[in-house]
């Protein structure tokens, strides 16, 4: 079964293209104009073992918010499409990820019932900003990333992929470490949840549908 998707979305604020292969090897090609977000999406693709290509052109001269959230929306839509009828998958997945002083946990249920719980981030992440750096190949500075966007990203993925996603930070301090541990935990949980289960031939639900 070919578990791939290509989704495009254009608004007055952004133009996004996402290509996704759930049965990839972690190859990524990410360009959003927000260097730290590129880093996070690269980590997500690599640790989920998804092949992931993202092209985003948004109004980052105003702020990164639109581009970051819209990219997460399109990634979620691509994930939902690539999952198809969900037959033969494990459905559930979870992962703990340590990163130096931080420990994050994510749990996924490919349930068809979208829900997101995001808890435990240190309070200062509501105001933290990770500076932009020159964007590779664009010859211009990239937009900074406000860590308050983390919640928007995970909510947008969950709602558009129609999955239940729980992300929690057990402890941590550094905004980079906390955010990266969250993204990697989500990646590993997704990898486990979408992986084929050789003992399951149909939809993994007693209802017969997800």
N, C-alpha and C. Protein backbone atom coordinates (compact mmCIF):
# COMPACT_ATOMS: atom_id res chain seq x y z
N UNK A 1 0.84 -1.19 0.00
CA UNK A 1 0.00 0.00 0.00
C UNK A 1 0.88 1.25 0.00
N UNK A 2 0.52 2.20 -0.83
CA UNK A 2 1.30 3.43 -0.97
C UNK A 2 0.81 4.47 0.03
N UNK A 3 1.55 4.66 1.10
CA UNK A 3 1.09 5.58 2.15
C UNK A 3 1.81 6.93 2.01
N UNK A 4 1.41 7.64 0.98
CA UNK A 4 2.01 8.94 0.68
C UNK A 4 0.91 9.97 0.48
N UNK A 5 1.29 11.24 0.56
CA UNK A 5 0.34 12.33 0.32
C UNK A 5 1.09 13.56 -0.13
N UNK A 6 0.42 14.36 -0.93
CA UNK A 6 0.91 15.68 -1.31
C UNK A 6 -0.25 16.66 -1.15
N UNK A 7 -0.08 17.67 -0.31
CA UNK A 7 -1.15 18.61 -0.02
C UNK A 7 -0.64 20.03 -0.22
N UNK A 8 -1.45 20.84 -0.90
CA UNK A 8 -1.14 22.26 -1.10
C UNK A 8 -2.24 23.10 -0.46
N UNK A 9 -1.85 24.23 0.10
CA UNK A 9 -2.82 25.14 0.69
C UNK A 9 -2.32 26.57 0.51
N UNK A 10 -3.17 27.42 -0.06
CA UNK A 10 -2.79 28.82 -0.29
C UNK A 10 -3.85 29.74 0.29
N UNK A 11 -3.39 30.70 1.09
CA UNK A 11 -4.26 31.74 1.62
C UNK A 11 -3.59 33.09 1.34
N UNK A 12 -4.20 34.16 1.81
CA UNK A 12 -3.58 35.47 1.65
C UNK A 12 -2.36 35.64 2.55
N UNK A 13 -2.17 34.71 3.48
CA UNK A 13 -1.06 34.81 4.44
C UNK A 13 0.08 33.85 4.15
N UNK A 14 -0.20 32.75 3.44
CA UNK A 14 0.85 31.77 3.20
C UNK A 14 0.51 30.86 2.04
N UNK A 15 1.55 30.25 1.50
CA UNK A 15 1.40 29.22 0.47
C UNK A 15 2.26 28.04 0.90
N UNK A 16 1.62 26.89 1.12
CA UNK A 16 2.29 25.73 1.72
C UNK A 16 2.14 24.51 0.82
N UNK A 17 3.22 23.76 0.66
CA UNK A 17 3.18 22.46 0.00
C UNK A 17 3.90 21.46 0.90
N UNK A 18 3.22 20.35 1.19
CA UNK A 18 3.82 19.28 2.00
C UNK A 18 3.72 17.97 1.24
N UNK A 19 4.83 17.27 1.14
CA UNK A 19 4.87 15.91 0.59
C UNK A 19 5.34 14.97 1.70
N UNK A 20 4.62 13.86 1.88
CA UNK A 20 4.87 12.98 3.01
C UNK A 20 4.81 11.52 2.58
N UNK A 21 5.78 10.74 3.05
CA UNK A 21 5.80 9.30 2.85
C UNK A 21 5.97 8.65 4.22
N UNK A 22 4.94 7.98 4.69
CA UNK A 22 4.99 7.38 6.02
C UNK A 22 5.97 6.22 6.10
N UNK A 23 6.27 5.61 4.98
CA UNK A 23 7.17 4.45 4.95
C UNK A 23 8.53 4.83 4.41
N UNK A 24 9.00 6.00 4.81
CA UNK A 24 10.27 6.50 4.33
C UNK A 24 11.42 6.09 5.23
N UNK A 25 12.50 6.84 5.11
CA UNK A 25 13.71 6.56 5.88
C UNK A 25 14.18 7.79 6.65
N UNK A 26 13.32 8.79 6.76
CA UNK A 26 13.68 9.98 7.51
C UNK A 26 14.35 11.06 6.68
N UNK A 27 14.23 10.97 5.36
CA UNK A 27 14.80 12.01 4.50
C UNK A 27 13.90 13.25 4.54
N UNK A 28 14.51 14.40 4.71
CA UNK A 28 13.73 15.63 4.82
C UNK A 28 14.32 16.73 3.95
N UNK A 29 13.44 17.61 3.50
CA UNK A 29 13.83 18.80 2.74
C UNK A 29 12.85 19.90 3.14
N UNK A 30 13.26 20.74 4.08
CA UNK A 30 12.35 21.67 4.73
C UNK A 30 12.77 23.11 4.47
N UNK A 31 11.83 23.95 4.05
CA UNK A 31 12.10 25.38 3.89
C UNK A 31 10.84 26.16 4.21
N UNK A 32 10.85 26.84 5.37
CA UNK A 32 9.68 27.62 5.79
C UNK A 32 10.00 29.10 5.96
N UNK A 33 11.29 29.46 5.92
CA UNK A 33 11.67 30.83 6.22
C UNK A 33 11.81 31.11 7.70
N UNK A 34 11.57 30.08 8.51
CA UNK A 34 11.72 30.17 9.98
C UNK A 34 12.74 29.11 10.37
N UNK A 35 14.01 29.48 10.50
CA UNK A 35 15.07 28.47 10.64
C UNK A 35 14.88 27.49 11.79
N UNK A 36 14.45 27.95 12.95
CA UNK A 36 14.27 27.02 14.06
C UNK A 36 13.13 26.04 13.77
N UNK A 37 12.08 26.50 13.12
CA UNK A 37 10.97 25.61 12.74
C UNK A 37 11.45 24.59 11.72
N UNK A 38 12.29 25.01 10.78
CA UNK A 38 12.89 24.06 9.85
C UNK A 38 13.62 22.96 10.62
N UNK A 39 14.37 23.37 11.64
CA UNK A 39 15.12 22.43 12.48
C UNK A 39 14.17 21.45 13.17
N UNK A 40 13.05 21.94 13.68
CA UNK A 40 12.09 21.08 14.37
C UNK A 40 11.41 20.10 13.40
N UNK A 41 11.01 20.58 12.23
CA UNK A 41 10.36 19.70 11.26
C UNK A 41 11.34 18.68 10.70
N UNK A 42 12.59 19.06 10.57
CA UNK A 42 13.62 18.11 10.16
C UNK A 42 13.76 17.00 11.21
N UNK A 43 13.77 17.39 12.48
CA UNK A 43 13.84 16.40 13.55
C UNK A 43 12.61 15.51 13.57
N UNK A 44 11.44 16.09 13.33
CA UNK A 44 10.21 15.31 13.31
C UNK A 44 10.26 14.25 12.22
N UNK A 45 10.62 14.66 11.00
CA UNK A 45 10.70 13.71 9.91
C UNK A 45 11.72 12.62 10.17
N UNK A 46 12.89 13.02 10.66
CA UNK A 46 13.97 12.06 10.88
C UNK A 46 13.60 11.03 11.94
N UNK A 47 13.02 11.47 13.04
CA UNK A 47 12.75 10.55 14.15
C UNK A 47 11.45 9.78 13.98
N UNK A 48 10.58 10.24 13.09
CA UNK A 48 9.41 9.44 12.72
C UNK A 48 9.72 8.48 11.58
N UNK A 49 10.90 8.62 10.98
CA UNK A 49 11.27 7.87 9.77
C UNK A 49 10.30 8.14 8.62
N UNK A 50 9.79 9.37 8.56
CA UNK A 50 8.98 9.82 7.43
C UNK A 50 9.89 10.52 6.43
N UNK A 51 9.63 10.35 5.15
CA UNK A 51 10.22 11.24 4.15
C UNK A 51 9.30 12.46 4.08
N UNK A 52 9.87 13.63 4.30
CA UNK A 52 9.06 14.84 4.45
C UNK A 52 9.68 16.00 3.69
N UNK A 53 8.89 16.57 2.78
CA UNK A 53 9.29 17.78 2.07
C UNK A 53 8.29 18.88 2.39
N UNK A 54 8.79 20.04 2.77
CA UNK A 54 7.93 21.18 3.10
C UNK A 54 8.45 22.41 2.39
N UNK A 55 7.56 23.08 1.67
CA UNK A 55 7.85 24.38 1.07
C UNK A 55 6.79 25.36 1.56
N UNK A 56 7.24 26.36 2.30
CA UNK A 56 6.31 27.34 2.85
C UNK A 56 6.79 28.74 2.53
N UNK A 57 5.89 29.54 2.00
CA UNK A 57 6.18 30.95 1.70
C UNK A 57 5.09 31.77 2.36
N UNK A 58 5.44 32.44 3.46
CA UNK A 58 4.43 33.17 4.21
C UNK A 58 4.87 34.57 4.57
N UNK A 59 3.99 35.27 5.25
CA UNK A 59 4.24 36.68 5.60
C UNK A 59 5.10 36.79 6.86
N UNK A 60 6.29 36.18 6.80
CA UNK A 60 7.16 36.17 7.98
C UNK A 60 7.71 37.56 8.30
N UNK A 61 7.57 38.51 7.37
CA UNK A 61 7.99 39.87 7.68
C UNK A 61 7.08 40.49 8.75
N UNK A 62 5.87 39.95 8.89
CA UNK A 62 4.96 40.39 9.96
C UNK A 62 5.28 39.61 11.24
N UNK A 63 5.23 38.28 11.12
CA UNK A 63 5.54 37.39 12.23
C UNK A 63 5.50 35.97 11.68
N UNK A 64 6.08 35.03 12.40
CA UNK A 64 6.13 33.65 11.93
C UNK A 64 4.82 32.90 12.16
N UNK A 65 3.92 33.47 12.94
CA UNK A 65 2.73 32.74 13.39
C UNK A 65 1.96 32.09 12.24
N UNK A 66 1.61 32.86 11.22
CA UNK A 66 0.79 32.32 10.13
C UNK A 66 1.49 31.17 9.43
N UNK A 67 2.77 31.35 9.13
CA UNK A 67 3.51 30.33 8.40
C UNK A 67 3.66 29.06 9.23
N UNK A 68 3.98 29.21 10.50
CA UNK A 68 4.16 28.05 11.37
C UNK A 68 2.86 27.27 11.52
N UNK A 69 1.78 27.97 11.85
CA UNK A 69 0.50 27.29 12.06
C UNK A 69 -0.04 26.69 10.77
N UNK A 70 0.05 27.42 9.67
CA UNK A 70 -0.46 26.91 8.40
C UNK A 70 0.32 25.69 7.93
N UNK A 71 1.62 25.68 8.17
CA UNK A 71 2.42 24.51 7.82
C UNK A 71 1.99 23.30 8.63
N UNK A 72 1.71 23.50 9.91
CA UNK A 72 1.24 22.40 10.75
C UNK A 72 -0.12 21.89 10.29
N UNK A 73 -0.99 22.80 9.86
CA UNK A 73 -2.29 22.40 9.32
C UNK A 73 -2.11 21.48 8.12
N UNK A 74 -1.25 21.89 7.19
CA UNK A 74 -1.06 21.11 5.97
C UNK A 74 -0.36 19.80 6.27
N UNK A 75 0.60 19.81 7.19
CA UNK A 75 1.24 18.54 7.58
C UNK A 75 0.20 17.60 8.17
N UNK A 76 -0.69 18.11 9.02
CA UNK A 76 -1.74 17.27 9.58
C UNK A 76 -2.65 16.70 8.51
N UNK A 77 -3.02 17.52 7.53
CA UNK A 77 -3.86 17.04 6.43
C UNK A 77 -3.14 15.95 5.63
N UNK A 78 -1.85 16.15 5.38
CA UNK A 78 -1.07 15.15 4.65
C UNK A 78 -0.97 13.85 5.44
N UNK A 79 -0.77 13.96 6.74
CA UNK A 79 -0.70 12.77 7.58
C UNK A 79 -2.01 11.99 7.53
N UNK A 80 -3.13 12.70 7.63
CA UNK A 80 -4.42 12.04 7.55
C UNK A 80 -4.65 11.35 6.22
N UNK A 81 -4.27 12.02 5.13
CA UNK A 81 -4.43 11.43 3.79
C UNK A 81 -3.54 10.21 3.62
N UNK A 82 -2.29 10.32 4.07
CA UNK A 82 -1.34 9.21 3.89
C UNK A 82 -1.77 7.98 4.68
N UNK A 83 -2.45 8.17 5.79
CA UNK A 83 -2.91 7.03 6.59
C UNK A 83 -4.01 6.24 5.90
N UNK A 84 -4.73 6.87 5.00
CA UNK A 84 -5.74 6.16 4.23
C UNK A 84 -6.81 5.54 5.11
N UNK A 85 -7.09 4.24 4.89
CA UNK A 85 -8.15 3.57 5.65
C UNK A 85 -7.68 3.07 7.02
N UNK A 86 -6.40 3.26 7.30
CA UNK A 86 -5.80 2.93 8.61
C UNK A 86 -5.78 1.43 8.90
N UNK A 87 -5.99 0.61 7.90
CA UNK A 87 -5.96 -0.84 8.12
C UNK A 87 -4.54 -1.31 8.43
N UNK A 88 -4.45 -2.19 9.41
CA UNK A 88 -3.19 -2.85 9.69
C UNK A 88 -2.17 -2.04 10.46
N UNK A 89 -2.55 -0.87 10.99
CA UNK A 89 -1.59 -0.07 11.75
C UNK A 89 -1.69 -0.42 13.24
N UNK A 90 -0.67 -0.01 13.98
CA UNK A 90 -0.67 -0.27 15.43
C UNK A 90 -1.64 0.66 16.16
N UNK A 91 -1.90 1.81 15.60
CA UNK A 91 -2.86 2.80 16.09
C UNK A 91 -2.35 3.63 17.26
N UNK A 92 -1.81 3.00 18.28
CA UNK A 92 -1.33 3.72 19.46
C UNK A 92 0.19 3.80 19.46
N UNK A 93 0.71 4.89 19.98
CA UNK A 93 2.15 5.02 20.14
C UNK A 93 2.47 6.05 21.20
N UNK A 94 3.58 5.85 21.88
CA UNK A 94 4.01 6.87 22.82
C UNK A 94 5.53 6.82 22.95
N UNK A 95 6.11 7.90 23.45
CA UNK A 95 7.56 7.98 23.58
C UNK A 95 7.95 9.01 24.62
N UNK A 96 8.97 8.67 25.38
CA UNK A 96 9.65 9.63 26.25
C UNK A 96 10.94 10.05 25.57
N UNK A 97 11.22 11.34 25.56
CA UNK A 97 12.47 11.84 24.98
C UNK A 97 13.17 12.75 26.00
N UNK A 98 14.39 12.38 26.40
CA UNK A 98 15.19 13.29 27.22
C UNK A 98 16.06 14.16 26.32
N UNK A 99 16.24 15.39 26.71
CA UNK A 99 17.22 16.26 26.05
C UNK A 99 17.88 17.11 27.13
N UNK A 100 19.06 16.69 27.50
CA UNK A 100 19.79 17.34 28.59
C UNK A 100 18.91 17.43 29.84
N UNK A 101 18.55 18.63 30.26
CA UNK A 101 17.80 18.79 31.51
C UNK A 101 16.29 18.56 31.34
N UNK A 102 15.85 18.32 30.11
CA UNK A 102 14.42 18.23 29.79
C UNK A 102 13.98 16.79 29.57
N UNK A 103 12.77 16.48 29.99
CA UNK A 103 12.14 15.20 29.66
C UNK A 103 10.72 15.48 29.16
N UNK A 104 10.42 15.00 27.95
CA UNK A 104 9.10 15.20 27.35
C UNK A 104 8.49 13.86 26.99
N UNK A 105 7.17 13.82 26.97
CA UNK A 105 6.44 12.60 26.64
C UNK A 105 5.33 12.95 25.66
N UNK A 106 5.10 12.07 24.69
CA UNK A 106 3.98 12.23 23.75
C UNK A 106 3.28 10.89 23.59
N UNK A 107 1.96 10.95 23.45
CA UNK A 107 1.15 9.77 23.21
C UNK A 107 0.17 10.07 22.08
N UNK A 108 -0.01 9.09 21.20
CA UNK A 108 -0.84 9.25 20.00
C UNK A 108 -1.86 8.12 19.92
N UNK A 109 -3.07 8.46 19.54
CA UNK A 109 -4.09 7.49 19.15
C UNK A 109 -4.63 7.92 17.80
N UNK A 110 -4.42 7.10 16.79
CA UNK A 110 -4.95 7.39 15.45
C UNK A 110 -6.42 6.97 15.46
N UNK A 111 -7.23 7.78 16.10
CA UNK A 111 -8.58 7.39 16.49
C UNK A 111 -9.67 7.88 15.55
N UNK A 112 -9.34 8.89 14.73
CA UNK A 112 -10.38 9.55 13.96
C UNK A 112 -11.15 10.58 14.77
N UNK A 113 -10.78 10.73 16.05
CA UNK A 113 -11.41 11.71 16.93
C UNK A 113 -10.34 12.72 17.34
N UNK A 114 -10.30 13.87 16.69
CA UNK A 114 -9.21 14.83 16.93
C UNK A 114 -9.28 15.45 18.31
N UNK A 115 -8.14 15.42 18.98
CA UNK A 115 -8.04 16.04 20.30
C UNK A 115 -6.58 16.30 20.59
N UNK A 116 -6.30 17.38 21.31
CA UNK A 116 -4.92 17.68 21.69
C UNK A 116 -4.87 18.15 23.13
N UNK A 117 -3.96 17.57 23.88
CA UNK A 117 -3.64 18.03 25.23
C UNK A 117 -2.16 18.39 25.23
N UNK A 118 -1.85 19.59 25.68
CA UNK A 118 -0.46 20.07 25.70
C UNK A 118 -0.22 20.72 27.05
N UNK A 119 0.59 20.08 27.89
CA UNK A 119 0.74 20.55 29.26
C UNK A 119 2.21 20.49 29.70
N UNK A 120 2.51 21.25 30.74
CA UNK A 120 3.78 21.10 31.43
C UNK A 120 4.91 22.01 31.02
N UNK A 121 4.72 22.81 29.97
CA UNK A 121 5.82 23.69 29.57
C UNK A 121 6.09 24.72 30.67
N UNK A 122 7.36 25.05 30.91
CA UNK A 122 7.67 26.11 31.87
C UNK A 122 6.99 27.41 31.46
N UNK A 123 6.57 28.18 32.44
CA UNK A 123 5.79 29.38 32.17
C UNK A 123 6.53 30.38 31.28
N UNK A 124 7.85 30.42 31.39
CA UNK A 124 8.59 31.42 30.60
C UNK A 124 8.54 31.14 29.11
N UNK A 125 8.12 29.91 28.70
CA UNK A 125 8.02 29.62 27.27
C UNK A 125 6.86 30.36 26.62
N UNK A 126 5.95 30.91 27.42
CA UNK A 126 4.89 31.74 26.86
C UNK A 126 5.44 33.02 26.26
N UNK A 127 6.65 33.41 26.66
CA UNK A 127 7.23 34.67 26.21
C UNK A 127 8.58 34.49 25.53
N UNK A 128 9.08 33.26 25.47
CA UNK A 128 10.42 33.03 24.93
C UNK A 128 10.42 33.13 23.41
N UNK A 129 11.50 33.65 22.87
CA UNK A 129 11.67 33.77 21.42
C UNK A 129 13.05 33.23 21.05
N UNK A 130 13.08 32.32 20.08
CA UNK A 130 14.34 31.79 19.57
C UNK A 130 14.69 32.58 18.32
N UNK A 131 15.80 33.30 18.33
CA UNK A 131 16.12 34.21 17.22
C UNK A 131 16.23 33.49 15.88
N UNK A 132 15.93 34.23 14.82
CA UNK A 132 16.14 33.72 13.47
C UNK A 132 17.61 33.77 13.12
N UNK A 133 17.98 33.04 12.09
CA UNK A 133 19.34 33.07 11.56
C UNK A 133 19.23 33.13 10.05
N UNK A 134 20.31 33.42 9.33
CA UNK A 134 20.20 33.49 7.87
C UNK A 134 19.65 32.20 7.28
N UNK A 135 18.69 32.33 6.38
CA UNK A 135 18.04 31.17 5.77
C UNK A 135 18.92 30.64 4.65
N UNK A 136 19.25 29.36 4.77
CA UNK A 136 20.11 28.73 3.78
C UNK A 136 19.51 28.82 2.38
N UNK A 137 20.25 29.38 1.45
CA UNK A 137 19.81 29.45 0.06
C UNK A 137 18.94 30.63 -0.27
N UNK A 138 18.50 31.40 0.74
CA UNK A 138 17.63 32.54 0.47
C UNK A 138 18.37 33.87 0.56
N UNK A 139 19.51 33.87 1.24
CA UNK A 139 20.29 35.10 1.36
C UNK A 139 19.59 36.18 2.13
N UNK A 140 18.77 35.80 3.09
CA UNK A 140 18.03 36.78 3.89
C UNK A 140 17.85 36.22 5.29
N UNK A 141 17.65 37.08 6.28
CA UNK A 141 17.48 36.58 7.64
C UNK A 141 16.14 35.85 7.80
N UNK A 142 16.15 34.81 8.59
CA UNK A 142 14.91 34.09 8.85
C UNK A 142 14.15 34.70 10.01
N UNK A 143 12.89 34.35 10.10
CA UNK A 143 12.03 34.88 11.17
C UNK A 143 12.33 34.16 12.48
N UNK A 144 12.23 34.88 13.60
CA UNK A 144 12.36 34.23 14.91
C UNK A 144 11.16 33.33 15.19
N UNK A 145 11.35 32.40 16.11
CA UNK A 145 10.30 31.45 16.48
C UNK A 145 9.90 31.69 17.93
N UNK A 146 8.64 32.03 18.15
CA UNK A 146 8.11 32.20 19.50
C UNK A 146 7.62 30.86 20.01
N UNK A 147 8.11 30.44 21.17
CA UNK A 147 7.76 29.10 21.64
C UNK A 147 6.30 28.97 22.06
N UNK A 148 5.58 30.08 22.18
CA UNK A 148 4.15 29.99 22.42
C UNK A 148 3.45 29.30 21.25
N UNK A 149 4.12 29.23 20.10
CA UNK A 149 3.56 28.56 18.92
C UNK A 149 3.56 27.05 19.05
N UNK A 150 4.31 26.50 19.99
CA UNK A 150 4.35 25.03 20.13
C UNK A 150 2.96 24.44 20.24
N UNK A 151 2.14 25.03 21.10
CA UNK A 151 0.78 24.52 21.28
C UNK A 151 -0.01 24.60 19.97
N UNK A 152 0.12 25.70 19.24
CA UNK A 152 -0.59 25.84 17.97
C UNK A 152 -0.19 24.74 16.99
N UNK A 153 1.10 24.42 16.96
CA UNK A 153 1.59 23.39 16.04
C UNK A 153 0.95 22.05 16.37
N UNK A 154 1.01 21.63 17.62
CA UNK A 154 0.51 20.31 17.98
C UNK A 154 -1.01 20.23 17.85
N UNK A 155 -1.71 21.31 18.20
CA UNK A 155 -3.16 21.33 18.02
C UNK A 155 -3.52 21.23 16.54
N UNK A 156 -2.81 21.95 15.69
CA UNK A 156 -3.12 21.95 14.26
C UNK A 156 -2.86 20.59 13.64
N UNK A 157 -1.78 19.93 14.05
CA UNK A 157 -1.50 18.58 13.55
C UNK A 157 -2.62 17.63 13.98
N UNK A 158 -2.96 17.65 15.27
CA UNK A 158 -3.96 16.71 15.78
C UNK A 158 -5.32 16.91 15.12
N UNK A 159 -5.77 18.15 15.02
CA UNK A 159 -7.10 18.42 14.48
C UNK A 159 -7.19 18.06 13.00
N UNK A 160 -6.14 18.32 12.25
CA UNK A 160 -6.20 18.09 10.80
C UNK A 160 -5.85 16.66 10.40
N UNK A 161 -5.09 15.96 11.23
CA UNK A 161 -4.84 14.54 10.98
C UNK A 161 -5.92 13.66 11.59
N UNK A 162 -6.77 14.26 12.43
CA UNK A 162 -7.84 13.56 13.14
C UNK A 162 -7.26 12.46 14.04
N UNK A 163 -6.31 12.89 14.86
CA UNK A 163 -5.71 12.00 15.85
C UNK A 163 -5.86 12.62 17.24
N UNK A 164 -5.75 11.79 18.26
CA UNK A 164 -5.62 12.29 19.63
C UNK A 164 -4.13 12.38 19.94
N UNK A 165 -3.70 13.54 20.36
CA UNK A 165 -2.28 13.78 20.63
C UNK A 165 -2.12 14.43 21.99
N UNK A 166 -1.37 13.78 22.86
CA UNK A 166 -1.07 14.32 24.18
C UNK A 166 0.43 14.58 24.26
N UNK A 167 0.80 15.81 24.59
CA UNK A 167 2.20 16.19 24.71
C UNK A 167 2.39 16.83 26.08
N UNK A 168 3.36 16.34 26.83
CA UNK A 168 3.61 16.93 28.14
C UNK A 168 5.10 17.02 28.41
N UNK A 169 5.45 18.07 29.11
CA UNK A 169 6.82 18.26 29.56
C UNK A 169 6.86 17.91 31.04
N UNK A 170 7.63 16.89 31.39
CA UNK A 170 7.71 16.50 32.79
C UNK A 170 8.58 17.49 33.57
N UNK A 171 9.66 17.91 32.93
CA UNK A 171 10.49 18.97 33.49
C UNK A 171 11.44 19.46 32.41
N UNK A 172 11.94 20.67 32.59
CA UNK A 172 12.85 21.26 31.62
C UNK A 172 12.98 22.74 31.87
N UNK A 173 13.96 23.34 31.23
CA UNK A 173 14.24 24.76 31.47
C UNK A 173 14.52 25.51 30.17
N UNK A 174 15.46 25.02 29.39
CA UNK A 174 15.89 25.71 28.18
C UNK A 174 14.82 25.61 27.09
N UNK A 175 14.43 26.75 26.50
CA UNK A 175 13.33 26.75 25.53
C UNK A 175 13.63 25.91 24.29
N UNK A 176 14.89 25.88 23.87
CA UNK A 176 15.28 25.05 22.73
C UNK A 176 15.12 23.57 23.09
N UNK A 177 15.65 23.18 24.24
CA UNK A 177 15.60 21.78 24.64
C UNK A 177 14.16 21.31 24.85
N UNK A 178 13.34 22.14 25.49
CA UNK A 178 11.95 21.76 25.74
C UNK A 178 11.22 21.56 24.42
N UNK A 179 11.35 22.51 23.51
CA UNK A 179 10.65 22.42 22.23
C UNK A 179 11.13 21.23 21.42
N UNK A 180 12.44 21.04 21.36
CA UNK A 180 12.97 19.94 20.55
C UNK A 180 12.59 18.58 21.14
N UNK A 181 12.61 18.46 22.46
CA UNK A 181 12.19 17.20 23.08
C UNK A 181 10.73 16.90 22.77
N UNK A 182 9.89 17.93 22.77
CA UNK A 182 8.47 17.74 22.42
C UNK A 182 8.32 17.24 20.99
N UNK A 183 8.97 17.90 20.05
CA UNK A 183 8.86 17.50 18.64
C UNK A 183 9.36 16.08 18.43
N UNK A 184 10.47 15.73 19.07
CA UNK A 184 11.02 14.38 18.90
C UNK A 184 10.13 13.33 19.56
N UNK A 185 9.52 13.68 20.69
CA UNK A 185 8.59 12.75 21.33
C UNK A 185 7.38 12.51 20.44
N UNK A 186 6.85 13.57 19.84
CA UNK A 186 5.73 13.43 18.91
C UNK A 186 6.14 12.57 17.72
N UNK A 187 7.33 12.79 17.21
CA UNK A 187 7.82 12.02 16.07
C UNK A 187 7.87 10.53 16.39
N UNK A 188 8.46 10.18 17.52
CA UNK A 188 8.59 8.77 17.89
C UNK A 188 7.24 8.14 18.19
N UNK A 189 6.33 8.90 18.79
CA UNK A 189 4.99 8.38 19.05
C UNK A 189 4.24 8.14 17.75
N UNK A 190 4.36 9.07 16.80
CA UNK A 190 3.73 8.88 15.49
C UNK A 190 4.31 7.68 14.77
N UNK A 191 5.62 7.55 14.83
CA UNK A 191 6.27 6.41 14.17
C UNK A 191 5.68 5.09 14.67
N UNK A 192 5.54 4.98 15.99
CA UNK A 192 4.99 3.75 16.56
C UNK A 192 3.53 3.54 16.18
N UNK A 193 2.75 4.63 16.17
CA UNK A 193 1.31 4.51 15.94
C UNK A 193 0.97 4.14 14.50
N UNK A 194 1.73 4.65 13.54
CA UNK A 194 1.39 4.41 12.13
C UNK A 194 2.09 3.18 11.57
N UNK A 195 2.94 2.56 12.35
CA UNK A 195 3.69 1.40 11.87
C UNK A 195 2.76 0.22 11.61
N UNK A 196 2.97 -0.52 10.53
CA UNK A 196 2.14 -1.70 10.27
C UNK A 196 2.32 -2.75 11.37
N UNK A 197 1.21 -3.36 11.75
CA UNK A 197 1.22 -4.44 12.73
C UNK A 197 0.93 -5.74 12.00
N UNK A 198 1.88 -6.66 11.92
CA UNK A 198 1.69 -7.88 11.15
C UNK A 198 0.57 -8.77 11.69
N UNK A 199 0.13 -8.52 12.91
CA UNK A 199 -0.92 -9.33 13.51
C UNK A 199 -2.32 -8.74 13.29
N UNK A 200 -2.37 -7.57 12.65
CA UNK A 200 -3.65 -6.90 12.40
C UNK A 200 -3.84 -6.73 10.90
N UNK A 201 -4.92 -7.27 10.36
CA UNK A 201 -5.18 -7.14 8.92
C UNK A 201 -6.20 -6.05 8.61
N UNK A 202 -7.11 -5.82 9.52
CA UNK A 202 -8.14 -4.82 9.29
C UNK A 202 -7.89 -3.55 10.08
N UNK A 203 -8.97 -2.81 10.31
CA UNK A 203 -8.88 -1.58 11.09
C UNK A 203 -8.75 -1.95 12.57
N UNK A 204 -7.78 -1.37 13.29
CA UNK A 204 -7.56 -1.73 14.68
C UNK A 204 -8.57 -1.08 15.63
N UNK A 205 -9.82 -1.51 15.51
CA UNK A 205 -10.89 -0.99 16.35
C UNK A 205 -12.00 -2.02 16.44
N UNK A 206 -12.57 -2.19 17.62
CA UNK A 206 -13.70 -3.11 17.77
C UNK A 206 -14.94 -2.60 17.07
N UNK A 207 -14.95 -1.30 16.72
CA UNK A 207 -16.08 -0.72 15.99
C UNK A 207 -16.00 -1.01 14.49
N UNK A 208 -14.81 -1.37 14.02
CA UNK A 208 -14.63 -1.64 12.61
C UNK A 208 -14.32 -0.42 11.77
N UNK A 209 -14.15 0.72 12.43
CA UNK A 209 -13.85 1.96 11.70
C UNK A 209 -13.12 2.91 12.63
N UNK A 210 -12.28 3.75 12.04
CA UNK A 210 -11.58 4.79 12.79
C UNK A 210 -11.83 6.13 12.11
